[in-house]
């Protein structure tokens, strides 16, 4: 039992030992200094994040502005192309009307009918041009870019159709004029 008691006392003494409190004023001061430095760095990091957020916001605004300007420039280019198409249509109608009139093989009623056909084409092209102009001037009920682009493409397609219509009418009346010119030449 004596061994048992000695063993118990020995175990108790081993378990009851504790570490003594150690204070190191230099280490404590360094740790406090590091904590203050880390707090200052953290404060600067928060400022940097806030400034970065502001910069990102400004860049987003700038991007939106550039996109709007880009869209307006694209719309202006489209309108310029439509205007150019309108000018070509009017020039072609004048050229073909003069050409048909100079043949002197159509009577007054036929010339009026030919002129009406060409006039209808010009009216159609003018309407397309007016719709395209409204896109830029009125922004047509605050359309989004896709709708505006679609409307401008439709105006271009209408102008292309007018060009084709001119060719069809010209071909029709030239095919009528051909035999008349030959007949006129044979009668001389």
C-alpha atoms as a PDB file:
ATOM      1  CA  UNK A   1       0.000   0.000   0.000  1.00  0.00           C
ATOM      2  CA  UNK A   2       2.943   2.184   0.685  1.00  0.00           C
ATOM      3  CA  UNK A   3       3.843   1.906  -3.003  1.00  0.00           C
ATOM      4  CA  UNK A   4       0.321   2.757  -3.922  1.00  0.00           C
ATOM      5  CA  UNK A   5       0.383   5.871  -1.759  1.00  0.00           C
ATOM      6  CA  UNK A   6       3.750   6.953  -3.132  1.00  0.00           C
ATOM      7  CA  UNK A   7       2.550   6.459  -6.634  1.00  0.00           C
ATOM      8  CA  UNK A   8      -0.588   8.507  -5.976  1.00  0.00           C
ATOM      9  CA  UNK A   9       1.385  11.356  -4.430  1.00  0.00           C
ATOM     10  CA  UNK A  10       3.795  11.295  -7.313  1.00  0.00           C
ATOM     11  CA  UNK A  11       0.982  11.438  -9.849  1.00  0.00           C
ATOM     12  CA  UNK A  12      -0.727  14.247  -8.005  1.00  0.00           C
ATOM     13  CA  UNK A  13       2.402  16.312  -7.893  1.00  0.00           C
ATOM     14  CA  UNK A  14       2.950  15.828 -11.581  1.00  0.00           C
ATOM     15  CA  UNK A  15      -0.588  16.932 -12.397  1.00  0.00           C
ATOM     16  CA  UNK A  16      -0.509  19.907 -10.056  1.00  0.00           C
ATOM     17  CA  UNK A  17       2.447  21.611 -11.612  1.00  0.00           C
ATOM     18  CA  UNK A  18       1.551  24.723 -13.510  1.00  0.00           C
ATOM     19  CA  UNK A  19       3.396  27.094 -15.693  1.00  0.00           C
ATOM     20  CA  UNK A  20       4.521  30.246 -14.077  1.00  0.00           C
ATOM     21  CA  UNK A  21       3.297  33.547 -15.505  1.00  0.00           C
ATOM     22  CA  UNK A  22       5.926  35.062 -17.719  1.00  0.00           C
ATOM     23  CA  UNK A  23       5.785  38.670 -18.667  1.00  0.00           C
ATOM     24  CA  UNK A  24       7.912  40.140 -21.383  1.00  0.00           C
ATOM     25  CA  UNK A  25       7.397  43.903 -21.578  1.00  0.00           C
ATOM     26  CA  UNK A  26       9.325  44.217 -24.845  1.00  0.00           C
ATOM     27  CA  UNK A  27       7.290  41.520 -26.568  1.00  0.00           C
ATOM     28  CA  UNK A  28       4.047  43.032 -25.269  1.00  0.00           C
ATOM     29  CA  UNK A  29       5.048  46.454 -26.580  1.00  0.00           C
ATOM     30  CA  UNK A  30       5.949  45.004 -29.978  1.00  0.00           C
ATOM     31  CA  UNK A  31       2.608  43.166 -30.150  1.00  0.00           C
ATOM     32  CA  UNK A  32       0.721  46.366 -29.300  1.00  0.00           C
ATOM     33  CA  UNK A  33       2.748  48.256 -31.908  1.00  0.00           C
ATOM     34  CA  UNK A  34       1.995  45.581 -34.536  1.00  0.00           C
ATOM     35  CA  UNK A  35      -1.714  45.697 -33.639  1.00  0.00           C
ATOM     36  CA  UNK A  36      -1.756  49.475 -34.121  1.00  0.00           C
ATOM     37  CA  UNK A  37       0.091  49.146 -37.441  1.00  0.00           C
ATOM     38  CA  UNK A  38      -2.343  46.452 -38.574  1.00  0.00           C
ATOM     39  CA  UNK A  39      -5.280  48.650 -37.582  1.00  0.00           C
ATOM     40  CA  UNK A  40      -3.835  51.533 -39.601  1.00  0.00           C
ATOM     41  CA  UNK A  41      -3.283  49.229 -42.598  1.00  0.00           C
ATOM     42  CA  UNK A  42      -6.844  47.949 -42.271  1.00  0.00           C
ATOM     43  CA  UNK A  43      -8.152  51.521 -42.165  1.00  0.00           C
ATOM     44  CA  UNK A  44      -6.186  52.366 -45.335  1.00  0.00           C
ATOM     45  CA  UNK A  45      -7.495  49.199 -46.997  1.00  0.00           C
ATOM     46  CA  UNK A  46     -11.080  50.249 -46.232  1.00  0.00           C
ATOM     47  CA  UNK A  47     -10.375  53.695 -47.735  1.00  0.00           C
ATOM     48  CA  UNK A  48      -8.869  52.059 -50.823  1.00  0.00           C
ATOM     49  CA  UNK A  49     -11.900  49.792 -51.247  1.00  0.00           C
ATOM     50  CA  UNK A  50     -14.243  52.794 -50.950  1.00  0.00           C
ATOM     51  CA  UNK A  51     -12.211  54.755 -53.516  1.00  0.00           C
ATOM     52  CA  UNK A  52     -12.178  51.729 -55.834  1.00  0.00           C
ATOM     53  CA  UNK A  53     -15.965  51.443 -55.552  1.00  0.00           C
ATOM     54  CA  UNK A  54     -16.285  55.121 -56.501  1.00  0.00           C
ATOM     55  CA  UNK A  55     -13.916  54.621 -59.442  1.00  0.00           C
ATOM     56  CA  UNK A  56     -15.861  51.575 -60.640  1.00  0.00           C
ATOM     57  CA  UNK A  57     -19.071  53.583 -60.421  1.00  0.00           C
ATOM     58  CA  UNK A  58     -17.517  56.403 -62.454  1.00  0.00           C
ATOM     59  CA  UNK A  59     -16.231  53.920 -65.026  1.00  0.00           C
ATOM     60  CA  UNK A  60     -19.679  52.346 -65.340  1.00  0.00           C
ATOM     61  CA  UNK A  61     -21.204  55.785 -65.897  1.00  0.00           C
ATOM     62  CA  UNK A  62     -18.510  56.579 -68.453  1.00  0.00           C
ATOM     63  CA  UNK A  63     -19.122  53.251 -70.207  1.00  0.00           C
ATOM     64  CA  UNK A  64     -22.867  53.965 -70.412  1.00  0.00           C
ATOM     65  CA  UNK A  65     -22.147  57.411 -71.831  1.00  0.00           C
ATOM     66  CA  UNK A  66     -19.762  55.977 -74.424  1.00  0.00           C
ATOM     67  CA  UNK A  67     -22.342  53.338 -75.373  1.00  0.00           C
ATOM     68  CA  UNK A  68     -25.013  56.018 -75.776  1.00  0.00           C
ATOM     69  CA  UNK A  69     -22.695  58.121 -77.939  1.00  0.00           C
ATOM     70  CA  UNK A  70     -21.748  55.027 -79.929  1.00  0.00           C
ATOM     71  CA  UNK A  71     -25.422  54.192 -80.469  1.00  0.00           C
ATOM     72  CA  UNK A  72     -26.178  57.750 -81.571  1.00  0.00           C
ATOM     73  CA  UNK A  73     -23.239  57.673 -83.988  1.00  0.00           C
ATOM     74  CA  UNK A  74     -24.432  54.325 -85.368  1.00  0.00           C
ATOM     75  CA  UNK A  75     -27.932  55.783 -85.757  1.00  0.00           C
ATOM     76  CA  UNK A  76     -26.515  58.862 -87.493  1.00  0.00           C
ATOM     77  CA  UNK A  77     -24.562  56.618 -89.865  1.00  0.00           C
ATOM     78  CA  UNK A  78     -27.716  54.649 -90.611  1.00  0.00           C
ATOM     79  CA  UNK A  79     -29.708  57.851 -91.204  1.00  0.00           C
ATOM     80  CA  UNK A  80     -26.936  59.175 -93.454  1.00  0.00           C
ATOM     81  CA  UNK A  81     -27.058  55.963 -95.465  1.00  0.00           C
ATOM     82  CA  UNK A  82     -30.859  56.183 -95.722  1.00  0.00           C
ATOM     83  CA  UNK A  83     -30.608  59.806 -96.889  1.00  0.00           C
ATOM     84  CA  UNK A  84     -28.038  58.766 -99.483  1.00  0.00           C
ATOM     85  CA  UNK A  85     -30.379  56.009-100.661  1.00  0.00           C
ATOM     86  CA  UNK A  86     -33.199  58.574-100.905  1.00  0.00           C
ATOM     87  CA  UNK A  87     -31.007  60.833-103.033  1.00  0.00           C
ATOM     88  CA  UNK A  88     -30.111  57.926-105.338  1.00  0.00           C
ATOM     89  CA  UNK A  89     -33.788  56.991-105.674  1.00  0.00           C
ATOM     90  CA  UNK A  90     -34.806  60.531-106.623  1.00  0.00           C
ATOM     91  CA  UNK A  91     -31.902  60.817-109.058  1.00  0.00           C
ATOM     92  CA  UNK A  92     -32.741  57.463-110.662  1.00  0.00           C
ATOM     93  CA  UNK A  93     -36.448  58.347-110.964  1.00  0.00           C
ATOM     94  CA  UNK A  94     -35.555  61.642-112.652  1.00  0.00           C
ATOM     95  CA  UNK A  95     -33.126  59.888-114.986  1.00  0.00           C
ATOM     96  CA  UNK A  96     -35.559  57.122-115.945  1.00  0.00           C
ATOM     97  CA  UNK A  97     -38.530  59.504-116.328  1.00  0.00           C
ATOM     98  CA  UNK A  98     -36.489  61.705-118.667  1.00  0.00           C
ATOM     99  CA  UNK A  99     -35.235  58.667-120.566  1.00  0.00           C
ATOM    100  CA  UNK A 100     -38.756  57.291-121.082  1.00  0.00           C
ATOM    101  CA  UNK A 101     -40.170  60.720-121.929  1.00  0.00           C
ATOM    102  CA  UNK A 102     -37.414  61.367-124.489  1.00  0.00           C
ATOM    103  CA  UNK A 103     -38.367  58.219-126.401  1.00  0.00           C
ATOM    104  CA  UNK A 104     -41.540  59.989-127.616  1.00  0.00           C
ATOM    105  CA  UNK A 105     -43.420  56.703-127.947  1.00  0.00           C
ATOM    106  CA  UNK A 106     -45.870  57.126-125.046  1.00  0.00           C
ATOM    107  CA  UNK A 107     -49.009  59.255-125.131  1.00  0.00           C
ATOM    108  CA  UNK A 108     -49.848  61.764-122.384  1.00  0.00           C
ATOM    109  CA  UNK A 109     -51.998  59.322-120.389  1.00  0.00           C
ATOM    110  CA  UNK A 110     -49.235  56.720-120.409  1.00  0.00           C
ATOM    111  CA  UNK A 111     -46.646  59.307-119.312  1.00  0.00           C
ATOM    112  CA  UNK A 112     -49.009  60.305-116.462  1.00  0.00           C
ATOM    113  CA  UNK A 113     -49.335  56.644-115.418  1.00  0.00           C
ATOM    114  CA  UNK A 114     -45.553  56.165-115.564  1.00  0.00           C
ATOM    115  CA  UNK A 115     -45.042  59.329-113.508  1.00  0.00           C
ATOM    116  CA  UNK A 116     -47.602  58.156-110.939  1.00  0.00           C
ATOM    117  CA  UNK A 117     -45.765  54.843-110.573  1.00  0.00           C
ATOM    118  CA  UNK A 118     -42.484  56.617-109.957  1.00  0.00           C
ATOM    119  CA  UNK A 119     -44.169  59.145-107.658  1.00  0.00           C
ATOM    120  CA  UNK A 120     -45.574  56.316-105.515  1.00  0.00           C
ATOM    121  CA  UNK A 121     -42.051  54.952-105.117  1.00  0.00           C
ATOM    122  CA  UNK A 122     -40.738  58.360-104.090  1.00  0.00           C
ATOM    123  CA  UNK A 123     -43.600  58.793-101.577  1.00  0.00           C
ATOM    124  CA  UNK A 124     -42.808  55.400-100.063  1.00  0.00           C
ATOM    125  CA  UNK A 125     -39.139  56.298 -99.745  1.00  0.00           C
ATOM    126  CA  UNK A 126     -40.001  59.681 -98.191  1.00  0.00           C
ATOM    127  CA  UNK A 127     -42.157  57.964 -95.554  1.00  0.00           C
ATOM    128  CA  UNK A 128     -39.294  55.610 -94.729  1.00  0.00           C
ATOM    129  CA  UNK A 129     -36.951  58.574 -94.438  1.00  0.00           C
ATOM    130  CA  UNK A 130     -39.364  60.428 -92.146  1.00  0.00           C
ATOM    131  CA  UNK A 131     -39.660  57.414 -89.834  1.00  0.00           C
ATOM    132  CA  UNK A 132     -35.884  57.108 -89.715  1.00  0.00           C
ATOM    133  CA  UNK A 133     -35.537  60.817 -88.898  1.00  0.00           C
ATOM    134  CA  UNK A 134     -38.044  60.497 -86.039  1.00  0.00           C
ATOM    135  CA  UNK A 135     -35.822  57.863 -84.459  1.00  0.00           C
ATOM    136  CA  UNK A 136     -33.132  60.477 -83.931  1.00  0.00           C
ATOM    137  CA  UNK A 137     -35.210  63.595 -83.338  1.00  0.00           C
ATOM    138  CA  UNK A 138     -38.060  62.292 -81.177  1.00  0.00           C
ATOM    139  CA  UNK A 139     -36.449  59.069 -79.968  1.00  0.00           C
ATOM    140  CA  UNK A 140     -39.853  57.643 -80.965  1.00  0.00           C
ATOM    141  CA  UNK A 141     -41.431  57.019 -77.566  1.00  0.00           C
ATOM    142  CA  UNK A 142     -38.092  56.330 -75.847  1.00  0.00           C
ATOM    143  CA  UNK A 143     -37.282  53.229 -77.853  1.00  0.00           C
ATOM    144  CA  UNK A 144     -34.574  50.892 -76.695  1.00  0.00           C
ATOM    145  CA  UNK A 145     -31.559  50.272 -78.906  1.00  0.00           C
ATOM    146  CA  UNK A 146     -32.848  47.021 -80.371  1.00  0.00           C
ATOM    147  CA  UNK A 147     -36.181  48.578 -81.400  1.00  0.00           C
ATOM    148  CA  UNK A 148     -34.492  51.653 -82.841  1.00  0.00           C
ATOM    149  CA  UNK A 149     -32.035  49.512 -84.780  1.00  0.00           C
ATOM    150  CA  UNK A 150     -34.866  47.352 -86.089  1.00  0.00           C
ATOM    151  CA  UNK A 151     -36.775  50.443 -87.253  1.00  0.00           C
ATOM    152  CA  UNK A 152     -33.726  51.818 -89.041  1.00  0.00           C
ATOM    153  CA  UNK A 153     -33.091  48.451 -90.707  1.00  0.00           C
ATOM    154  CA  UNK A 154     -36.715  48.400 -91.834  1.00  0.00           C
ATOM    155  CA  UNK A 155     -36.272  51.872 -93.333  1.00  0.00           C
ATOM    156  CA  UNK A 156     -33.196  50.662 -95.205  1.00  0.00           C
ATOM    157  CA  UNK A 157     -35.094  47.617 -96.447  1.00  0.00           C
ATOM    158  CA  UNK A 158     -37.930  49.883 -97.608  1.00  0.00           C
ATOM    159  CA  UNK A 159     -35.407  51.994 -99.520  1.00  0.00           C
ATOM    160  CA  UNK A 160     -33.964  48.865-101.112  1.00  0.00           C
ATOM    161  CA  UNK A 161     -37.488  47.829-102.128  1.00  0.00           C
ATOM    162  CA  UNK A 162     -38.018  51.267-103.677  1.00  0.00           C
ATOM    163  CA  UNK A 163     -34.825  50.810-105.684  1.00  0.00           C
ATOM    164  CA  UNK A 164     -36.047  47.433-106.925  1.00  0.00           C
ATOM    165  CA  UNK A 165     -39.454  48.927-107.744  1.00  0.00           C
ATOM    166  CA  UNK A 166     -37.772  51.593-109.880  1.00  0.00           C
ATOM    167  CA  UNK A 167     -35.929  48.910-111.816  1.00  0.00           C
ATOM    168  CA  UNK A 168     -39.152  46.924-112.296  1.00  0.00           C
ATOM    169  CA  UNK A 169     -41.145  49.909-113.565  1.00  0.00           C
ATOM    170  CA  UNK A 170     -38.287  51.003-115.821  1.00  0.00           C
ATOM    171  CA  UNK A 171     -37.909  47.502-117.259  1.00  0.00           C
ATOM    172  CA  UNK A 172     -41.678  47.262-117.799  1.00  0.00           C
ATOM    173  CA  UNK A 173     -41.966  50.510-119.718  1.00  0.00           C
ATOM    174  CA  UNK A 174     -38.724  49.993-121.638  1.00  0.00           C
ATOM    175  CA  UNK A 175     -40.019  46.601-122.791  1.00  0.00           C
ATOM    176  CA  UNK A 176     -43.177  48.386-123.969  1.00  0.00           C
ATOM    177  CA  UNK A 177     -41.146  51.168-125.588  1.00  0.00           C
ATOM    178  CA  UNK A 178     -38.763  48.810-127.450  1.00  0.00           C
ATOM    179  CA  UNK A 179     -41.251  47.537-130.058  1.00  0.00           C
ATOM    180  CA  UNK A 180     -42.750  51.024-130.429  1.00  0.00           C
ATOM    181  CA  UNK A 181     -39.343  52.528-131.160  1.00  0.00           C
ATOM    182  CA  UNK A 182     -38.640  49.811-133.739  1.00  0.00           C
ATOM    183  CA  UNK A 183     -42.049  50.386-135.325  1.00  0.00           C
ATOM    184  CA  UNK A 184     -41.431  54.135-135.354  1.00  0.00           C
ATOM    185  CA  UNK A 185     -38.041  53.634-137.026  1.00  0.00           C
ATOM    186  CA  UNK A 186     -39.532  51.271-139.620  1.00  0.00           C
ATOM    187  CA  UNK A 187     -42.253  53.814-140.494  1.00  0.00           C
ATOM    188  CA  UNK A 188     -39.693  56.481-141.342  1.00  0.00           C
END
